[in-house]
Every structure is written in C-alpha cells, then in structure tokens.
Amino acid sequence: MESVGLEEALSQFEREAAGALKTVTAAARELKKVQAAAAVGDLRALRNGSDASARLTEQAAAAVRDLKGAWRFDEAAHFARGGFTKEVLALAGEEGVKAFESDERILSYPAIVQVVPAETSVMIDKKRERRVRPSVLVQMLKALQQRPPRFKAEGFLESLSSAYDLVVGGGGGSRTGRTVKLVDVYAVLTLMPGAARDYSKQEFARDLYLLDQSGIVTTRGGRTLSLPASALTRGSGQLRTVTRSGQAKVYAGIAFEEGPT
C-alpha cells in the first residue's frame, strides 16, 4: 500500500473491513437462530444451526485475522515526508476548497492546519484532530469556510495598539503615524515564554486579515489603524495569509494615527 496515498489506502482497507464485517454478521445471525431454536426446543434446527454457526464463526475469525495484517501503509513516513500535506492540498483543489501551504502549515481561510507527523494527526486552530483521512479533512475545511469566523475585532485592535506603542516608544520620537514592522509588534505580543508557540505568525497574519475585513479601524481612544502597503512588503519580515477567495495576502507594516483632540 506504500505506493498509494492515504486516501486510497483507507478506501481499500474500508472495503476489506466491510467484507470481514459481512462474514462476522452472518455468523452472528446464525448464532441467533441457534439461540431461538434452543428457546423453543427445536432440536433439529439447533443441531443444524450449531454446525453452520461453527463454520461461519471460523470463517469470521479468519477474516478478522486477515484484516489485522491488511493495514501496511506507512503513515509515519507519509506524514513526515510531506506526502500527507500534498495529498490534502491536491484533494482540496479538486473539491474547490481554497488552501495552500506556508511555513509547514496548511492555510485555508479561516483555518490554519498544522500537521503533526509524530502523532499522525493535525491541529486545526489549536484543536487536535485525529480524523485525518484527506477527504474528511477537506470537508472539515470546507465547512469552516462556510461559517462566520469567531473573531473579536475590537479586542484584537486594542492589543495591536498597545503593542505598537511599545515598539514605537522603544525607537524614540513621536508615536503618531509612524509605520513599524508588524513582526516587531508580533514580537511584543509574544514576549512571554511559549507565547510564540501558542500564537504563531500564521495565526497573527490570519487575525490581521480578519481585522482588515471587519472594517473596524478606530480604537476606544480614537486612534485610527492603517496597514500600509509600503516598501516593507519588499523586504524581510513579511507575514502571509490566505484571503477568503484563496489568494495570498501579505502584511508588513502598521501605523496608528492619533484622532482629533
């Protein structure tokens, strides 16, 4: 099975399991007949049914033993070598689900999928998911794309404003209207140990896009956010995400203008 993908391997095994189940079901059905014959004292049916059920039970046991050894797909290698990611992206394309790979993650608005080879599982927005059949995962992503994202734009905007002040204050000078790198703002937001692991750059970029789409740009204090498309987008420190339509979106700079006094 190693020459095929996980989707095909699971499909083959599913068919084999269905065949084994059919044999087990036939044995169970015959045993029920024996039980019914004993309940009423139909001795002829009891003897005949016992022979038939013994034969079918042996066949069922053999089918289950064969099934146990039928799974020979090397899922660990498939995950570790990137085969799983490629398979999911290919199937997503066939199903019309917008998705692409960025920094070892699958971005599919609004979800971010991290493949965890060591556990042959994935993390969808920090939630562990062990149902990794590619067709099933793609349908999950499709369903997520059809739901409104859970996102608190106002709270995120206030956090950005506070982090921006720390970055601008560290550089000296006026805070008004200066454009700074978003990666520096991200660094402030993830200062605590382990914070960058719990809140990745991909998630930060996704949240920037959600904020961008919300149209909410004014803080409680009256400052106005801008995400300028400047020369910063041509340098290092870019943040990439995927839009609702599946296009790549790049963010690099951020500024806050003071409101009228």
Protein backbone atom coordinates (compact mmCIF):
# COMPACT_ATOMS: atom_id res chain seq x y z
CA MET A 1 0.00 0.00 0.00
CA GLU A 2 3.00 2.36 0.35
CA SER A 3 2.84 3.23 -3.35
CA VAL A 4 -0.61 4.78 -2.92
CA GLY A 5 -1.82 7.76 -0.94
CA LEU A 6 -3.52 7.66 2.44
CA GLU A 7 -6.95 8.27 0.89
CA GLU A 8 -6.69 5.25 -1.41
CA ALA A 9 -5.13 3.09 1.32
CA LEU A 10 -8.01 3.87 3.66
CA SER A 11 -10.54 3.24 0.92
CA GLN A 12 -9.04 -0.21 0.26
CA PHE A 13 -8.97 -1.04 3.96
CA GLU A 14 -12.54 0.17 4.36
CA ARG A 15 -13.67 -2.29 1.70
CA GLU A 16 -11.73 -5.12 3.36
CA ALA A 17 -13.26 -4.25 6.74
CA ALA A 18 -16.73 -4.27 5.16
CA GLY A 19 -16.08 -7.80 3.84
CA ALA A 20 -14.92 -9.02 7.25
CA LEU A 21 -17.95 -7.43 8.88
CA LYS A 22 -20.24 -9.20 6.45
CA THR A 23 -18.77 -12.56 7.49
CA VAL A 24 -19.00 -11.73 11.21
CA THR A 25 -22.61 -10.60 10.76
CA ALA A 26 -23.51 -13.87 9.03
CA ALA A 27 -22.02 -15.85 11.93
CA ALA A 28 -23.92 -13.75 14.47
CA ARG A 29 -27.15 -14.22 12.54
CA GLU A 30 -26.71 -18.00 12.57
CA LEU A 31 -25.98 -17.98 16.30
CA LYS A 32 -29.22 -16.09 16.90
CA LYS A 33 -31.06 -18.88 15.06
CA VAL A 34 -29.41 -21.45 17.34
CA GLN A 35 -30.44 -19.42 20.38
CA ALA A 36 -34.03 -19.23 19.12
CA ALA A 37 -34.08 -22.99 18.44
CA ALA A 38 -32.90 -23.69 22.00
CA ALA A 39 -35.56 -21.35 23.37
CA VAL A 40 -38.39 -23.40 21.81
CA GLY A 41 -36.72 -26.82 21.80
CA ASP A 42 -36.36 -27.24 18.04
CA LEU A 43 -33.60 -29.84 18.28
CA ARG A 44 -33.12 -30.35 14.55
CA ALA A 45 -32.67 -26.61 13.98
CA LEU A 46 -30.37 -26.48 17.00
CA ARG A 47 -28.04 -29.18 15.63
CA ASN A 48 -28.01 -27.82 12.08
CA GLY A 49 -27.57 -24.27 13.27
CA SER A 50 -24.72 -25.22 15.60
CA ASP A 51 -22.79 -26.76 12.74
CA ALA A 52 -23.43 -23.79 10.47
CA SER A 53 -22.58 -21.24 13.13
CA ALA A 54 -19.33 -23.05 13.97
CA ARG A 55 -18.31 -22.98 10.30
CA LEU A 56 -19.22 -19.33 9.90
CA THR A 57 -17.51 -18.37 13.14
CA GLU A 58 -14.27 -19.96 11.93
CA GLN A 59 -14.57 -18.02 8.68
CA ALA A 60 -15.24 -14.81 10.60
CA ALA A 61 -12.20 -15.37 12.82
CA ALA A 62 -10.02 -15.91 9.77
CA ALA A 63 -11.40 -12.76 8.13
CA VAL A 64 -10.62 -10.69 11.23
CA ARG A 65 -7.08 -12.12 11.44
CA ASP A 66 -6.52 -11.26 7.79
CA LEU A 67 -7.88 -7.77 8.36
CA LYS A 68 -5.45 -7.19 11.23
CA GLY A 69 -2.49 -7.72 8.91
CA ALA A 70 -4.04 -5.89 5.95
CA TRP A 71 -3.02 -2.39 7.06
CA ARG A 72 0.51 -1.99 5.71
CA PHE A 73 0.50 1.70 4.89
CA ASP A 74 3.46 3.59 6.36
CA GLU A 75 1.54 6.57 7.67
CA ALA A 76 4.50 7.83 9.74
CA ALA A 77 6.67 8.24 6.64
CA HIS A 78 3.77 9.68 4.65
CA PHE A 79 3.30 12.43 7.24
CA ALA A 80 6.98 13.07 7.89
CA ARG A 81 7.97 13.38 4.21
CA GLY A 82 5.18 15.80 3.31
CA GLY A 83 3.09 13.32 1.35
CA PHE A 84 0.06 13.91 3.54
CA THR A 85 0.16 17.68 3.08
CA LYS A 86 0.50 17.36 -0.69
CA GLU A 87 -2.39 14.89 -0.78
CA VAL A 88 -4.67 17.19 1.22
CA LEU A 89 -3.82 20.21 -0.93
CA ALA A 90 -4.41 18.26 -4.14
CA LEU A 91 -7.77 16.97 -2.95
CA ALA A 92 -8.75 20.43 -1.70
CA GLY A 93 -8.09 21.77 -5.19
CA GLU A 94 -10.30 19.08 -6.71
CA GLU A 95 -13.10 19.94 -4.26
CA GLY A 96 -12.85 23.68 -4.83
CA VAL A 97 -11.55 24.35 -1.32
CA LYS A 98 -9.01 27.19 -1.31
CA ALA A 99 -5.86 26.12 0.53
CA PHE A 100 -2.11 26.44 0.23
CA GLU A 101 1.00 25.62 2.22
CA SER A 102 3.00 28.23 4.11
CA ASP A 103 5.75 27.61 6.68
CA GLU A 104 4.81 23.94 7.13
CA ARG A 105 1.14 24.75 7.69
CA ILE A 106 -1.94 24.49 5.53
CA LEU A 107 -3.76 27.82 5.26
CA SER A 108 -7.41 27.53 4.31
CA TYR A 109 -9.37 30.62 5.33
CA PRO A 110 -10.17 31.00 8.13
CA ALA A 111 -8.48 27.82 9.41
CA ILE A 112 -4.80 27.12 9.99
CA VAL A 113 -3.85 23.45 9.92
CA GLN A 114 -0.62 22.24 11.46
CA VAL A 115 0.40 18.70 10.55
CA VAL A 116 1.88 16.77 13.49
CA PRO A 117 3.87 13.87 11.98
CA ALA A 118 4.92 12.45 15.36
CA GLU A 119 1.29 11.76 16.22
CA THR A 120 -0.07 11.32 12.67
CA SER A 121 -2.66 13.94 13.47
CA VAL A 122 -3.34 17.60 12.74
CA MET A 123 -4.08 20.70 14.76
CA ILE A 124 -6.88 22.86 13.37
CA ASP A 125 -6.67 26.25 15.06
CA LYS A 126 -5.03 24.65 18.13
CA LYS A 127 -7.61 21.87 18.36
CA ARG A 128 -6.31 18.31 17.99
CA GLU A 129 -7.94 16.37 15.17
CA ARG A 130 -7.21 12.68 14.67
CA ARG A 131 -9.65 12.15 11.80
CA VAL A 132 -7.02 12.61 9.11
CA ARG A 133 -8.50 10.89 6.09
CA PRO A 134 -7.75 13.55 3.45
CA SER A 135 -11.29 13.65 2.06
CA VAL A 136 -12.70 14.04 5.58
CA LEU A 137 -10.23 16.79 6.47
CA VAL A 138 -11.03 18.68 3.28
CA GLN A 139 -14.74 18.54 4.09
CA MET A 140 -13.99 19.93 7.56
CA LEU A 141 -12.12 22.84 6.00
CA LYS A 142 -14.95 23.38 3.54
CA ALA A 143 -17.46 23.55 6.38
CA LEU A 144 -15.28 26.02 8.29
CA GLN A 145 -15.11 28.26 5.23
CA GLN A 146 -18.89 28.42 5.18
CA ARG A 147 -19.17 29.60 8.80
CA PRO A 148 -18.51 33.11 10.04
CA PRO A 149 -15.15 33.18 11.86
CA ARG A 150 -15.10 33.55 15.63
CA PHE A 151 -13.08 36.70 15.97
CA LYS A 152 -13.24 39.66 18.38
CA ALA A 153 -12.01 42.51 16.23
CA GLU A 154 -12.27 45.21 18.90
CA GLY A 155 -10.14 43.35 21.43
CA PHE A 156 -7.51 42.47 18.85
CA LEU A 157 -7.34 46.10 17.70
CA GLU A 158 -6.70 47.30 21.25
CA SER A 159 -3.92 44.72 21.69
CA LEU A 160 -2.30 45.88 18.46
CA SER A 161 -2.48 49.49 19.63
CA SER A 162 -0.77 48.70 22.93
CA ALA A 163 1.96 46.62 21.30
CA TYR A 164 2.50 49.30 18.66
CA ASP A 165 3.12 51.89 21.39
CA LEU A 166 5.80 49.70 22.93
CA VAL A 167 7.55 49.27 19.59
CA VAL A 168 7.38 52.97 18.72
CA GLY A 169 8.37 54.01 22.23
CA GLY A 170 11.42 51.79 22.04
CA GLY A 171 12.54 53.61 18.91
CA GLY A 172 12.18 57.07 20.44
CA GLY A 173 10.38 60.03 18.97
CA SER A 174 6.70 60.70 18.40
CA ARG A 175 4.22 57.82 18.37
CA THR A 176 1.91 59.50 15.87
CA GLY A 177 1.62 57.88 12.47
CA ARG A 178 4.96 56.09 12.38
CA THR A 179 4.97 52.88 10.36
CA VAL A 180 6.69 49.98 12.08
CA LYS A 181 7.18 46.37 11.17
CA LEU A 182 4.36 44.01 12.09
CA VAL A 183 6.91 41.36 13.01
CA ASP A 184 8.14 43.71 15.73
CA VAL A 185 4.57 44.12 17.01
CA TYR A 186 4.20 40.36 16.94
CA ALA A 187 7.38 40.01 18.98
CA VAL A 188 5.89 42.25 21.67
CA LEU A 189 2.62 40.29 21.68
CA THR A 190 4.52 37.05 22.20
CA LEU A 191 7.12 38.12 24.76
CA MET A 192 6.07 35.57 27.37
CA PRO A 193 7.85 32.15 27.26
CA GLY A 194 5.98 29.78 24.95
CA ALA A 195 3.70 32.53 23.62
CA ALA A 196 5.12 32.34 20.09
CA ARG A 197 4.43 28.61 20.08
CA ASP A 198 0.86 29.14 21.24
CA TYR A 199 0.24 32.04 18.87
CA SER A 200 2.07 31.57 15.59
CA LYS A 201 2.90 34.17 12.96
CA GLN A 202 0.41 32.46 10.66
CA GLU A 203 -2.34 32.97 13.23
CA PHE A 204 -1.28 36.59 13.69
CA ALA A 205 -1.42 37.19 9.93
CA ARG A 206 -4.84 35.48 9.74
CA ASP A 207 -6.13 37.73 12.52
CA LEU A 208 -4.79 40.81 10.75
CA TYR A 209 -6.77 39.83 7.68
CA LEU A 210 -9.92 39.23 9.74
CA LEU A 211 -9.49 42.64 11.33
CA ASP A 212 -8.88 44.14 7.90
CA GLN A 213 -12.11 42.60 6.65
CA SER A 214 -14.11 43.71 9.68
CA GLY A 215 -13.70 47.37 8.80
CA ILE A 216 -13.02 48.23 12.45
CA VAL A 217 -10.05 50.61 12.49
CA THR A 218 -10.70 53.03 15.37
CA THR A 219 -9.60 52.26 18.93
CA ARG A 220 -11.54 53.22 22.03
CA GLY A 221 -9.15 56.12 22.41
CA GLY A 222 -9.92 57.40 18.91
CA ARG A 223 -6.74 56.28 17.16
CA THR A 224 -7.01 55.02 13.59
CA LEU A 225 -5.25 51.90 12.35
CA SER A 226 -3.60 51.58 8.98
CA LEU A 227 -1.77 48.65 7.45
CA PRO A 228 0.25 50.45 4.78
CA ALA A 229 1.41 48.63 1.68
CA SER A 230 4.84 50.19 1.66
CA ALA A 231 8.39 49.24 0.80
CA LEU A 232 8.28 46.99 3.88
CA THR A 233 6.44 44.38 1.80
CA ARG A 234 9.53 44.06 -0.40
CA GLY A 235 11.87 43.27 2.46
CA SER A 236 12.16 40.70 5.18
CA GLY A 237 9.64 40.19 7.93
CA GLN A 238 6.61 39.68 5.74
CA LEU A 239 3.52 37.98 7.13
CA ARG A 240 1.48 35.87 4.75
CA THR A 241 -2.04 34.56 4.98
CA VAL A 242 -4.82 33.46 2.64
CA THR A 243 -7.89 35.51 1.81
CA ARG A 244 -11.49 34.34 1.69
CA SER A 245 -11.12 33.87 -2.07
CA GLY A 246 -7.94 31.83 -1.65
CA GLN A 247 -5.45 34.49 -2.71
CA ALA A 248 -2.18 35.11 -0.90
CA LYS A 249 -2.18 38.25 1.24
CA VAL A 250 0.99 39.92 2.55
CA TYR A 251 1.20 42.23 5.55
CA ALA A 252 4.33 44.02 6.70
CA GLY A 253 3.71 47.43 8.29
CA ILE A 254 1.34 49.00 10.81
CA ALA A 255 0.64 52.54 11.98
CA PHE A 256 -1.80 54.31 14.27
CA GLU A 257 -2.83 57.94 13.73
CA GLU A 258 -3.97 59.97 16.69
CA GLY A 259 -7.56 61.20 16.45
CA PRO A 260 -8.58 64.86 16.63
CA THR A 261 -8.25 66.40 20.07
